[in-house]
Each structure stands twice: as C-alpha cells, then as structure tokens.
Amino acid sequence: MQETIDRLREQPREHRTAIAASIAIAVVALLLVGWFFFFMHDLNKGNLEYARPPAPESEAESLPSSAPVYSADPVSTSTATTTIF
C-alpha cells in the first residue's frame, strides 16, 4: 500500500487530482447505492411510516401567532381616512 502511495506522489499534480476525484466519486456512488438498497428494502417491508401533521381547520390556525390575519372582505373607501400634511 505504501509503495502505491509513493508511486502516486511521483505523478504530476493533475494526475493525482484525477485519481483523488475518481476515488471520491466512487465512495459517494457506493454510499448512494447502499442507502438506496436499504431504503427500498424498508419501503418494501412497510417499515417506513409517514407522519403528516393534521391539516389546519382554518387559515388563522396555519399562521404563526405573530402573523397578522386579514379578512377576506375588502375595506370600503367610505371608512378610509386621508391625512394631508
């Protein structure tokens, strides 16, 4: 193993970078294949459950308490006041 590393150190920088990138891509691909295998295995066994939060009954419940709640009725222009400075 040490001999292989020493031979790689003698190579040009571009060659070493290409080898390092290839190894990194291979490791990531192996991890993705393993994750996919175990995910599909659990999915087929029915071990995955999706916990959905209950749907809010009204729009006001879905907003944070600090958010303003606007009514659906438009404000009539007769109640609006205009201040001219």
C-alpha atoms as a PDB file:
ATOM      1  CA  MET A   1       0.000   0.000   0.000  1.00  0.00           C
ATOM      2  CA  GLN A   2       2.818   2.400   0.883  1.00  0.00           C
ATOM      3  CA  GLU A   3       4.523   1.667  -2.443  1.00  0.00           C
ATOM      4  CA  THR A   4       1.347   2.610  -4.317  1.00  0.00           C
ATOM      5  CA  ILE A   5       1.100   5.882  -2.404  1.00  0.00           C
ATOM      6  CA  ASP A   6       4.749   6.665  -3.112  1.00  0.00           C
ATOM      7  CA  ARG A   7       4.246   5.997  -6.838  1.00  0.00           C
ATOM      8  CA  LEU A   8       1.218   8.320  -6.859  1.00  0.00           C
ATOM      9  CA  ARG A   9       3.230  11.067  -5.188  1.00  0.00           C
ATOM     10  CA  GLU A  10       5.679  10.953  -8.066  1.00  0.00           C
ATOM     11  CA  GLN A  11       2.916  11.615 -10.610  1.00  0.00           C
ATOM     12  CA  PRO A  12       2.022  15.135 -11.848  1.00  0.00           C
ATOM     13  CA  ARG A  13      -0.487  17.138  -9.809  1.00  0.00           C
ATOM     14  CA  GLU A  14      -3.233  16.814 -12.444  1.00  0.00           C
ATOM     15  CA  HIS A  15      -2.913  13.035 -12.392  1.00  0.00           C
ATOM     16  CA  ARG A  16      -3.124  12.911  -8.596  1.00  0.00           C
ATOM     17  CA  THR A  17      -6.159  15.220  -8.643  1.00  0.00           C
ATOM     18  CA  ALA A  18      -7.902  12.991 -11.185  1.00  0.00           C
ATOM     19  CA  ILE A  19      -7.240   9.899  -9.084  1.00  0.00           C
ATOM     20  CA  ALA A  20      -8.487  11.615  -5.913  1.00  0.00           C
ATOM     21  CA  ALA A  21     -11.656  12.793  -7.674  1.00  0.00           C
ATOM     22  CA  SER A  22     -12.287   9.311  -9.051  1.00  0.00           C
ATOM     23  CA  ILE A  23     -11.934   7.758  -5.609  1.00  0.00           C
ATOM     24  CA  ALA A  24     -14.263  10.367  -4.090  1.00  0.00           C
ATOM     25  CA  ILE A  25     -16.901   9.768  -6.780  1.00  0.00           C
ATOM     26  CA  ALA A  26     -16.649   6.002  -6.269  1.00  0.00           C
ATOM     27  CA  VAL A  27     -17.119   6.349  -2.496  1.00  0.00           C
ATOM     28  CA  VAL A  28     -20.161   8.625  -2.919  1.00  0.00           C
ATOM     29  CA  ALA A  29     -21.660   6.262  -5.513  1.00  0.00           C
ATOM     30  CA  LEU A  30     -21.163   3.309  -3.168  1.00  0.00           C
ATOM     31  CA  LEU A  31     -22.861   5.178  -0.322  1.00  0.00           C
ATOM     32  CA  LEU A  32     -25.810   6.143  -2.538  1.00  0.00           C
ATOM     33  CA  VAL A  33     -26.248   2.570  -3.766  1.00  0.00           C
ATOM     34  CA  GLY A  34     -26.154   1.296  -0.186  1.00  0.00           C
ATOM     35  CA  TRP A  35     -28.612   3.923   1.003  1.00  0.00           C
ATOM     36  CA  PHE A  36     -30.958   3.184  -1.917  1.00  0.00           C
ATOM     37  CA  PHE A  37     -30.802  -0.554  -1.242  1.00  0.00           C
ATOM     38  CA  PHE A  38     -31.679  -0.172   2.439  1.00  0.00           C
ATOM     39  CA  PHE A  39     -34.333   2.466   1.708  1.00  0.00           C
ATOM     40  CA  MET A  40     -36.078   0.234  -0.840  1.00  0.00           C
ATOM     41  CA  HIS A  41     -35.744  -2.750   1.485  1.00  0.00           C
ATOM     42  CA  ASP A  42     -37.503  -0.852   4.287  1.00  0.00           C
ATOM     43  CA  LEU A  43     -40.066   0.555   1.875  1.00  0.00           C
ATOM     44  CA  ASN A  44     -40.966  -2.908   0.572  1.00  0.00           C
ATOM     45  CA  LYS A  45     -41.232  -4.293   4.107  1.00  0.00           C
ATOM     46  CA  GLY A  46     -43.568  -1.463   5.075  1.00  0.00           C
ATOM     47  CA  ASN A  47     -41.311  -0.155   7.827  1.00  0.00           C
ATOM     48  CA  LEU A  48     -41.469   3.424   6.621  1.00  0.00           C
ATOM     49  CA  GLU A  49     -44.318   5.461   8.018  1.00  0.00           C
ATOM     50  CA  TYR A  50     -45.092   8.980   7.008  1.00  0.00           C
ATOM     51  CA  ALA A  51     -46.152  11.217   9.860  1.00  0.00           C
ATOM     52  CA  ARG A  52     -48.161  14.050   8.385  1.00  0.00           C
ATOM     53  CA  PRO A  53     -49.245  16.876  10.652  1.00  0.00           C
ATOM     54  CA  PRO A  54     -53.001  17.348  10.813  1.00  0.00           C
ATOM     55  CA  ALA A  55     -54.367  19.897   8.374  1.00  0.00           C
ATOM     56  CA  PRO A  56     -55.439  23.186   9.967  1.00  0.00           C
ATOM     57  CA  GLU A  57     -59.173  23.793  10.088  1.00  0.00           C
ATOM     58  CA  SER A  58     -58.882  27.441   9.156  1.00  0.00           C
ATOM     59  CA  GLU A  59     -56.301  29.761   7.658  1.00  0.00           C
ATOM     60  CA  ALA A  60     -55.822  31.527  11.001  1.00  0.00           C
ATOM     61  CA  GLU A  61     -54.632  28.289  12.616  1.00  0.00           C
ATOM     62  CA  SER A  62     -51.969  27.753   9.966  1.00  0.00           C
ATOM     63  CA  LEU A  63     -50.347  31.148  10.584  1.00  0.00           C
ATOM     64  CA  PRO A  64     -47.916  31.852  13.416  1.00  0.00           C
ATOM     65  CA  SER A  65     -49.438  33.739  16.325  1.00  0.00           C
ATOM     66  CA  SER A  66     -47.454  36.882  15.479  1.00  0.00           C
ATOM     67  CA  ALA A  67     -48.652  36.992  11.862  1.00  0.00           C
ATOM     68  CA  PRO A  68     -51.461  39.460  11.072  1.00  0.00           C
ATOM     69  CA  VAL A  69     -54.746  37.979   9.935  1.00  0.00           C
ATOM     70  CA  TYR A  70     -56.541  39.845   7.170  1.00  0.00           C
ATOM     71  CA  SER A  71     -60.207  39.456   6.461  1.00  0.00           C
ATOM     72  CA  ALA A  72     -61.397  38.414   3.031  1.00  0.00           C
ATOM     73  CA  ASP A  73     -63.729  41.439   2.821  1.00  0.00           C
ATOM     74  CA  PRO A  74     -62.239  44.454   1.072  1.00  0.00           C
ATOM     75  CA  VAL A  75     -62.183  47.678   3.058  1.00  0.00           C
ATOM     76  CA  SER A  76     -64.691  50.135   1.720  1.00  0.00           C
ATOM     77  CA  THR A  77     -63.385  53.524   0.683  1.00  0.00           C
ATOM     78  CA  SER A  78     -66.013  55.372   2.743  1.00  0.00           C
ATOM     79  CA  THR A  79     -64.416  54.329   6.047  1.00  0.00           C
ATOM     80  CA  ALA A  80     -60.872  55.157   4.988  1.00  0.00           C
ATOM     81  CA  THR A  81     -59.473  58.489   6.049  1.00  0.00           C
ATOM     82  CA  THR A  82     -56.836  60.521   4.281  1.00  0.00           C
ATOM     83  CA  THR A  83     -54.485  62.831   6.094  1.00  0.00           C
ATOM     84  CA  ILE A  84     -52.784  65.535   4.093  1.00  0.00           C
ATOM     85  CA  PHE A  85     -49.681  67.093   5.558  1.00  0.00           C
END
